[in-house]
PDB file of N, CA and C in Angstrom:
ATOM      1  N   MET A   1       0.842  -1.169   0.000  1.00  0.00           N
ATOM      2  CA  MET A   1       0.000   0.000   0.000  1.00  0.00           C
ATOM      3  C   MET A   1       0.886   1.230   0.000  1.00  0.00           C
ATOM      4  N   ASP A   2       0.396   2.266  -0.596  1.00  0.00           N
ATOM      5  CA  ASP A   2       1.103   3.529  -0.622  1.00  0.00           C
ATOM      6  C   ASP A   2       0.062   4.631  -0.630  1.00  0.00           C
ATOM      7  N   GLU A   3       0.356   5.698   0.080  1.00  0.00           N
ATOM      8  CA  GLU A   3      -0.600   6.804   0.157  1.00  0.00           C
ATOM      9  C   GLU A   3      -0.296   7.816  -0.934  1.00  0.00           C
ATOM     10  N   SER A   4      -1.338   8.399  -1.468  1.00  0.00           N
ATOM     11  CA  SER A   4      -1.210   9.435  -2.481  1.00  0.00           C
ATOM     12  C   SER A   4      -2.133  10.588  -2.114  1.00  0.00           C
ATOM     13  N   THR A   5      -1.641  11.801  -2.193  1.00  0.00           N
ATOM     14  CA  THR A   5      -2.465  12.972  -1.927  1.00  0.00           C
ATOM     15  C   THR A   5      -2.443  13.859  -3.161  1.00  0.00           C
ATOM     16  N   SER A   6      -3.605  14.117  -3.729  1.00  0.00           N
ATOM     17  CA  SER A   6      -3.678  14.949  -4.929  1.00  0.00           C
ATOM     18  C   SER A   6      -3.547  16.415  -4.546  1.00  0.00           C
ATOM     19  N   ARG A   7      -3.460  17.261  -5.539  1.00  0.00           N
ATOM     20  CA  ARG A   7      -3.388  18.702  -5.282  1.00  0.00           C
ATOM     21  C   ARG A   7      -4.654  19.202  -4.604  1.00  0.00           C
ATOM     22  N   ALA A   8      -5.729  18.464  -4.773  1.00  0.00           N
ATOM     23  CA  ALA A   8      -6.994  18.842  -4.149  1.00  0.00           C
ATOM     24  C   ALA A   8      -7.063  18.309  -2.706  1.00  0.00           C
ATOM     25  N   THR A   9      -5.933  17.827  -2.185  1.00  0.00           N
ATOM     26  CA  THR A   9      -5.804  17.248  -0.849  1.00  0.00           C
ATOM     27  C   THR A   9      -6.719  16.044  -0.628  1.00  0.00           C
ATOM     28  N   GLU A  10      -7.056  15.360  -1.691  1.00  0.00           N
ATOM     29  CA  GLU A  10      -7.853  14.142  -1.581  1.00  0.00           C
ATOM     30  C   GLU A  10      -6.923  12.987  -1.223  1.00  0.00           C
ATOM     31  N   LYS A  11      -7.207  12.300  -0.118  1.00  0.00           N
ATOM     32  CA  LYS A  11      -6.366  11.174   0.304  1.00  0.00           C
ATOM     33  C   LYS A  11      -6.815   9.902  -0.390  1.00  0.00           C
ATOM     34  N   ASN A  12      -5.857   9.212  -0.996  1.00  0.00           N
ATOM     35  CA  ASN A  12      -6.107   7.934  -1.638  1.00  0.00           C
ATOM     36  C   ASN A  12      -5.072   6.941  -1.158  1.00  0.00           C
ATOM     37  N   CYS A  13      -5.406   5.686  -1.206  1.00  0.00           N
ATOM     38  CA  CYS A  13      -4.479   4.636  -0.829  1.00  0.00           C
ATOM     39  C   CYS A  13      -4.395   3.651  -1.990  1.00  0.00           C
ATOM     40  N   ILE A  14      -3.190   3.426  -2.480  1.00  0.00           N
ATOM     41  CA  ILE A  14      -2.959   2.517  -3.586  1.00  0.00           C
ATOM     42  C   ILE A  14      -2.667   1.144  -2.992  1.00  0.00           C
ATOM     43  N   VAL A  15      -3.360   0.119  -3.482  1.00  0.00           N
ATOM     44  CA  VAL A  15      -3.204  -1.228  -2.935  1.00  0.00           C
ATOM     45  C   VAL A  15      -2.617  -2.144  -4.007  1.00  0.00           C
ATOM     46  N   TYR A  16      -1.532  -2.802  -3.633  1.00  0.00           N
ATOM     47  CA  TYR A  16      -0.920  -3.812  -4.480  1.00  0.00           C
ATOM     48  C   TYR A  16      -1.073  -5.161  -3.797  1.00  0.00           C
ATOM     49  N   VAL A  17      -1.068  -6.219  -4.561  1.00  0.00           N
ATOM     50  CA  VAL A  17      -1.155  -7.555  -3.996  1.00  0.00           C
ATOM     51  C   VAL A  17       0.106  -8.322  -4.399  1.00  0.00           C
ATOM     52  N   ARG A  18       0.653  -9.069  -3.432  1.00  0.00           N
ATOM     53  CA  ARG A  18       1.802  -9.932  -3.713  1.00  0.00           C
ATOM     54  C   ARG A  18       1.359 -11.367  -3.527  1.00  0.00           C
ATOM     55  N   TYR A  19       1.755 -12.213  -4.451  1.00  0.00           N
ATOM     56  CA  TYR A  19       1.355 -13.610  -4.394  1.00  0.00           C
ATOM     57  C   TYR A  19       2.371 -14.465  -5.143  1.00  0.00           C
ATOM     58  N   LEU A  20       2.249 -15.772  -5.004  1.00  0.00           N
ATOM     59  CA  LEU A  20       3.098 -16.704  -5.734  1.00  0.00           C
ATOM     60  C   LEU A  20       2.316 -17.310  -6.880  1.00  0.00           C
ATOM     61  N   ASP A  21       2.924 -17.330  -8.038  1.00  0.00           N
ATOM     62  CA  ASP A  21       2.334 -17.950  -9.229  1.00  0.00           C
ATOM     63  C   ASP A  21       3.353 -18.957  -9.757  1.00  0.00           C
ATOM     64  N   ASN A  22       3.062 -20.252  -9.589  1.00  0.00           N
ATOM     65  CA  ASN A  22       4.023 -21.302  -9.948  1.00  0.00           C
ATOM     66  C   ASN A  22       5.375 -21.060  -9.278  1.00  0.00           C
ATOM     67  N   TYR A  23       5.324 -20.735  -7.987  1.00  0.00           N
ATOM     68  CA  TYR A  23       6.506 -20.500  -7.155  1.00  0.00           C
ATOM     69  C   TYR A  23       7.276 -19.240  -7.525  1.00  0.00           C
ATOM     70  N   GLU A  24       6.732 -18.415  -8.373  1.00  0.00           N
ATOM     71  CA  GLU A  24       7.347 -17.147  -8.748  1.00  0.00           C
ATOM     72  C   GLU A  24       6.594 -16.011  -8.062  1.00  0.00           C
ATOM     73  N   PRO A  25       7.309 -15.137  -7.331  1.00  0.00           N
ATOM     74  CA  PRO A  25       6.621 -14.014  -6.691  1.00  0.00           C
ATOM     75  C   PRO A  25       6.125 -12.996  -7.704  1.00  0.00           C
ATOM     76  N   ARG A  26       4.928 -12.502  -7.508  1.00  0.00           N
ATOM     77  CA  ARG A  26       4.319 -11.500  -8.387  1.00  0.00           C
ATOM     78  C   ARG A  26       3.773 -10.354  -7.539  1.00  0.00           C
ATOM     79  N   THR A  27       3.795  -9.154  -8.076  1.00  0.00           N
ATOM     80  CA  THR A  27       3.183  -7.983  -7.464  1.00  0.00           C
ATOM     81  C   THR A  27       2.344  -7.306  -8.527  1.00  0.00           C
ATOM     82  N   GLU A  28       1.077  -7.046  -8.205  1.00  0.00           N
ATOM     83  CA  GLU A  28       0.181  -6.394  -9.163  1.00  0.00           C
ATOM     84  C   GLU A  28      -0.681  -5.350  -8.469  1.00  0.00           C
ATOM     85  N   PHE A  29      -1.084  -4.354  -9.238  1.00  0.00           N
ATOM     86  CA  PHE A  29      -2.025  -3.343  -8.755  1.00  0.00           C
ATOM     87  C   PHE A  29      -3.352  -4.024  -8.431  1.00  0.00           C
ATOM     88  N   TYR A  30      -3.925  -3.694  -7.270  1.00  0.00           N
ATOM     89  CA  TYR A  30      -5.200  -4.293  -6.882  1.00  0.00           C
ATOM     90  C   TYR A  30      -6.342  -3.281  -6.870  1.00  0.00           C
ATOM     91  N   GLY A  31      -6.062  -2.088  -6.381  1.00  0.00           N
ATOM     92  CA  GLY A  31      -7.133  -1.105  -6.338  1.00  0.00           C
ATOM     93  C   GLY A  31      -6.676   0.224  -5.782  1.00  0.00           C
ATOM     94  N   LEU A  32      -7.549   1.192  -5.891  1.00  0.00           N
ATOM     95  CA  LEU A  32      -7.315   2.536  -5.376  1.00  0.00           C
ATOM     96  C   LEU A  32      -8.477   2.874  -4.457  1.00  0.00           C
ATOM     97  N   MET A  33      -8.148   3.222  -3.211  1.00  0.00           N
ATOM     98  CA  MET A  33      -9.191   3.519  -2.226  1.00  0.00           C
ATOM     99  C   MET A  33      -9.191   4.999  -1.895  1.00  0.00           C
ATOM    100  N   ASN A  34     -10.342   5.627  -1.941  1.00  0.00           N
ATOM    101  CA  ASN A  34     -10.491   7.002  -1.486  1.00  0.00           C
ATOM    102  C   ASN A  34     -10.646   6.950   0.021  1.00  0.00           C
ATOM    103  N   MET A  35      -9.733   7.582   0.740  1.00  0.00           N
ATOM    104  CA  MET A  35      -9.732   7.523   2.197  1.00  0.00           C
ATOM    105  C   MET A  35     -10.684   8.536   2.828  1.00  0.00           C
ATOM    106  N   GLU A  36     -11.331   9.332   2.013  1.00  0.00           N
ATOM    107  CA  GLU A  36     -12.297  10.324   2.494  1.00  0.00           C
ATOM    108  C   GLU A  36     -11.705  11.212   3.592  1.00  0.00           C
ATOM    109  N   GLY A  37     -10.431  11.603   3.401  1.00  0.00           N
ATOM    110  CA  GLY A  37      -9.783  12.536   4.308  1.00  0.00           C
ATOM    111  C   GLY A  37      -9.311  11.965   5.620  1.00  0.00           C
ATOM    112  N   ASN A  38      -9.439  10.662   5.822  1.00  0.00           N
ATOM    113  CA  ASN A  38      -9.067  10.074   7.098  1.00  0.00           C
ATOM    114  C   ASN A  38      -8.064   8.952   6.859  1.00  0.00           C
ATOM    115  N   GLY A  39      -6.809   9.169   7.265  1.00  0.00           N
ATOM    116  CA  GLY A  39      -5.770   8.171   7.064  1.00  0.00           C
ATOM    117  C   GLY A  39      -5.471   7.354   8.300  1.00  0.00           C
ATOM    118  N   SER A  40      -6.420   7.279   9.224  1.00  0.00           N
ATOM    119  CA  SER A  40      -6.194   6.504  10.450  1.00  0.00           C
ATOM    120  C   SER A  40      -6.157   5.006  10.129  1.00  0.00           C
ATOM    121  N   ALA A  41      -5.499   4.235  10.999  1.00  0.00           N
ATOM    122  CA  ALA A  41      -5.418   2.785  10.810  1.00  0.00           C
ATOM    123  C   ALA A  41      -6.810   2.164  10.778  1.00  0.00           C
ATOM    124  N   GLU A  42      -7.701   2.641  11.622  1.00  0.00           N
ATOM    125  CA  GLU A  42      -9.072   2.107  11.654  1.00  0.00           C
ATOM    126  C   GLU A  42      -9.771   2.323  10.316  1.00  0.00           C
ATOM    127  N   ASN A  43      -9.594   3.493   9.726  1.00  0.00           N
ATOM    128  CA  ASN A  43     -10.231   3.786   8.442  1.00  0.00           C
ATOM    129  C   ASN A  43      -9.587   2.982   7.310  1.00  0.00           C
ATOM    130  N   ILE A  44      -8.272   2.783   7.375  1.00  0.00           N
ATOM    131  CA  ILE A  44      -7.590   1.991   6.351  1.00  0.00           C
ATOM    132  C   ILE A  44      -8.143   0.571   6.331  1.00  0.00           C
ATOM    133  N   VAL A  45      -8.278  -0.044   7.513  1.00  0.00           N
ATOM    134  CA  VAL A  45      -8.828  -1.405   7.602  1.00  0.00           C
ATOM    135  C   VAL A  45     -10.261  -1.432   7.081  1.00  0.00           C
ATOM    136  N   LYS A  46     -11.047  -0.434   7.446  1.00  0.00           N
ATOM    137  CA  LYS A  46     -12.438  -0.357   6.980  1.00  0.00           C
ATOM    138  C   LYS A  46     -12.498  -0.294   5.459  1.00  0.00           C
ATOM    139  N   LYS A  47     -11.644   0.540   4.865  1.00  0.00           N
ATOM    140  CA  LYS A  47     -11.650   0.709   3.412  1.00  0.00           C
ATOM    141  C   LYS A  47     -11.152  -0.548   2.695  1.00  0.00           C
ATOM    142  N   ILE A  48     -10.161  -1.230   3.261  1.00  0.00           N
ATOM    143  CA  ILE A  48      -9.690  -2.483   2.664  1.00  0.00           C
ATOM    144  C   ILE A  48     -10.809  -3.511   2.685  1.00  0.00           C
ATOM    145  N   LYS A  49     -11.524  -3.604   3.816  1.00  0.00           N
ATOM    146  CA  LYS A  49     -12.641  -4.550   3.907  1.00  0.00           C
ATOM    147  C   LYS A  49     -13.706  -4.238   2.861  1.00  0.00           C
ATOM    148  N   GLU A  50     -13.999  -2.958   2.646  1.00  0.00           N
ATOM    149  CA  GLU A  50     -14.980  -2.567   1.628  1.00  0.00           C
ATOM    150  C   GLU A  50     -14.507  -2.980   0.233  1.00  0.00           C
ATOM    151  N   LEU A  51     -13.221  -2.784  -0.044  1.00  0.00           N
ATOM    152  CA  LEU A  51     -12.657  -3.155  -1.342  1.00  0.00           C
ATOM    153  C   LEU A  51     -12.746  -4.662  -1.541  1.00  0.00           C
ATOM    154  N   TRP A  52     -12.422  -5.431  -0.505  1.00  0.00           N
ATOM    155  CA  TRP A  52     -12.455  -6.886  -0.595  1.00  0.00           C
ATOM    156  C   TRP A  52     -13.879  -7.414  -0.696  1.00  0.00           C
ATOM    157  N   ASP A  53     -14.809  -6.764  -0.010  1.00  0.00           N
ATOM    158  CA  ASP A  53     -16.219  -7.188  -0.097  1.00  0.00           C
ATOM    159  C   ASP A  53     -16.703  -7.174  -1.543  1.00  0.00           C
ATOM    160  N   LYS A  54     -16.241  -6.198  -2.310  1.00  0.00           N
ATOM    161  CA  LYS A  54     -16.642  -6.098  -3.718  1.00  0.00           C
ATOM    162  C   LYS A  54     -16.195  -7.317  -4.521  1.00  0.00           C
ATOM    163  N   ASN A  55     -15.113  -7.966  -4.070  1.00  0.00           N
ATOM    164  CA  ASN A  55     -14.567  -9.126  -4.781  1.00  0.00           C
ATOM    165  C   ASN A  55     -14.860 -10.445  -4.070  1.00  0.00           C
ATOM    166  N   GLY A  56     -15.687 -10.396  -3.041  1.00  0.00           N
ATOM    167  CA  GLY A  56     -16.060 -11.614  -2.337  1.00  0.00           C
ATOM    168  C   GLY A  56     -14.958 -12.203  -1.470  1.00  0.00           C
ATOM    169  N   LEU A  57     -13.948 -11.406  -1.117  1.00  0.00           N
ATOM    170  CA  LEU A  57     -12.878 -11.882  -0.241  1.00  0.00           C
ATOM    171  C   LEU A  57     -13.304 -11.758   1.218  1.00  0.00           C
ATOM    172  N   ILE A  58     -12.899 -12.716   2.040  1.00  0.00           N
ATOM    173  CA  ILE A  58     -13.275 -12.743   3.451  1.00  0.00           C
ATOM    174  C   ILE A  58     -12.058 -12.328   4.291  1.00  0.00           C
ATOM    175  N   PRO A  59     -12.085 -11.120   4.880  1.00  0.00           N
ATOM    176  CA  PRO A  59     -10.930 -10.618   5.630  1.00  0.00           C
ATOM    177  C   PRO A  59     -10.452 -11.550   6.747  1.00  0.00           C
ATOM    178  N   SER A  60     -11.359 -12.266   7.402  1.00  0.00           N
ATOM    179  CA  SER A  60     -10.947 -13.144   8.506  1.00  0.00           C
ATOM    180  C   SER A  60     -10.154 -14.354   8.020  1.00  0.00           C
ATOM    181  N   LYS A  61     -10.134 -14.586   6.723  1.00  0.00           N
ATOM    182  CA  LYS A  61      -9.373 -15.703   6.159  1.00  0.00           C
ATOM    183  C   LYS A  61      -8.133 -15.217   5.416  1.00  0.00           C
ATOM    184  N   THR A  62      -7.644 -14.053   5.807  1.00  0.00           N
ATOM    185  CA  THR A  62      -6.471 -13.477   5.154  1.00  0.00           C
ATOM    186  C   THR A  62      -5.369 -13.244   6.174  1.00  0.00           C
ATOM    187  N   CYS A  63      -4.186 -12.986   5.680  1.00  0.00           N
ATOM    188  CA  CYS A  63      -3.038 -12.654   6.524  1.00  0.00           C
ATOM    189  C   CYS A  63      -2.632 -11.223   6.189  1.00  0.00           C
ATOM    190  N   TRP A  64      -2.502 -10.394   7.193  1.00  0.00           N
ATOM    191  CA  TRP A  64      -2.185  -8.978   6.990  1.00  0.00           C
ATOM    192  C   TRP A  64      -0.797  -8.681   7.545  1.00  0.00           C
ATOM    193  N   LEU A  65      -0.084  -7.810   6.869  1.00  0.00           N
ATOM    194  CA  LEU A  65       1.214  -7.336   7.346  1.00  0.00           C
ATOM    195  C   LEU A  65       1.286  -5.843   7.090  1.00  0.00           C
ATOM    196  N   ALA A  66       1.625  -5.107   8.108  1.00  0.00           N
ATOM    197  CA  ALA A  66       1.768  -3.656   7.956  1.00  0.00           C
ATOM    198  C   ALA A  66       3.178  -3.264   8.375  1.00  0.00           C
ATOM    199  N   THR A  67       3.792  -2.382   7.622  1.00  0.00           N
ATOM    200  CA  THR A  67       5.128  -1.905   7.929  1.00  0.00           C
ATOM    201  C   THR A  67       5.239  -0.443   7.517  1.00  0.00           C
ATOM    202  N   ASP A  68       6.027   0.280   8.250  1.00  0.00           N
ATOM    203  CA  ASP A  68       6.216   1.698   7.914  1.00  0.00           C
ATOM    204  C   ASP A  68       7.604   1.933   7.317  1.00  0.00           C
ATOM    205  N   ASN A  69       8.225   0.858   6.808  1.00  0.00           N
ATOM    206  CA  ASN A  69       9.570   0.928   6.241  1.00  0.00           C
ATOM    207  C   ASN A  69      10.607   1.432   7.239  1.00  0.00           C
ATOM    208  N   ALA A  70      10.395   1.109   8.511  1.00  0.00           N
ATOM    209  CA  ALA A  70      11.348   1.480   9.553  1.00  0.00           C
ATOM    210  C   ALA A  70      12.688   0.800   9.273  1.00  0.00           C
ATOM    211  N   SER A  71      13.736   1.331   9.851  1.00  0.00           N
ATOM    212  CA  SER A  71      15.072   0.800   9.586  1.00  0.00           C
ATOM    213  C   SER A  71      15.197  -0.671   9.963  1.00  0.00           C
ATOM    214  N   THR A  72      14.368  -1.170  10.871  1.00  0.00           N
ATOM    215  CA  THR A  72      14.429  -2.569  11.248  1.00  0.00           C
ATOM    216  C   THR A  72      14.084  -3.488  10.066  1.00  0.00           C
ATOM    217  N   PHE A  73      13.360  -2.991   9.108  1.00  0.00           N
ATOM    218  CA  PHE A  73      13.004  -3.783   7.939  1.00  0.00           C
ATOM    219  C   PHE A  73      14.040  -3.638   6.822  1.00  0.00           C
ATOM    220  N   LYS A  74      14.965  -2.734   6.989  1.00  0.00           N
ATOM    221  CA  LYS A  74      15.971  -2.476   5.958  1.00  0.00           C
ATOM    222  C   LYS A  74      17.334  -3.012   6.339  1.00  0.00           C
ATOM    223  N   GLY A  75      17.458  -3.570   7.544  1.00  0.00           N
ATOM    224  CA  GLY A  75      18.724  -4.148   7.978  1.00  0.00           C
ATOM    225  C   GLY A  75      19.745  -3.143   8.457  1.00  0.00           C
ATOM    226  N   ILE A  76      19.309  -1.949   8.794  1.00  0.00           N
ATOM    227  CA  ILE A  76      20.251  -0.912   9.264  1.00  0.00           C
ATOM    228  C   ILE A  76      20.116  -0.774  10.779  1.00  0.00           C
TER     229      ILE A  76
END
């Protein structure tokens, strides 16, 4: 996920999906969520659930990982 703010100060969240296809890692664009001006963690989860509901995905059967690209994830 990555946040994008337009010149109109509209908050959007870009969602990518990572998966294995025949043991090969893939990353693809999944969707764009309008955050309606609220970038809180609670709102992000709510918006992801709404996006997944449209595709029939069940959030309780998924694995979530969140990172802020802190140095602990970069090996420094």
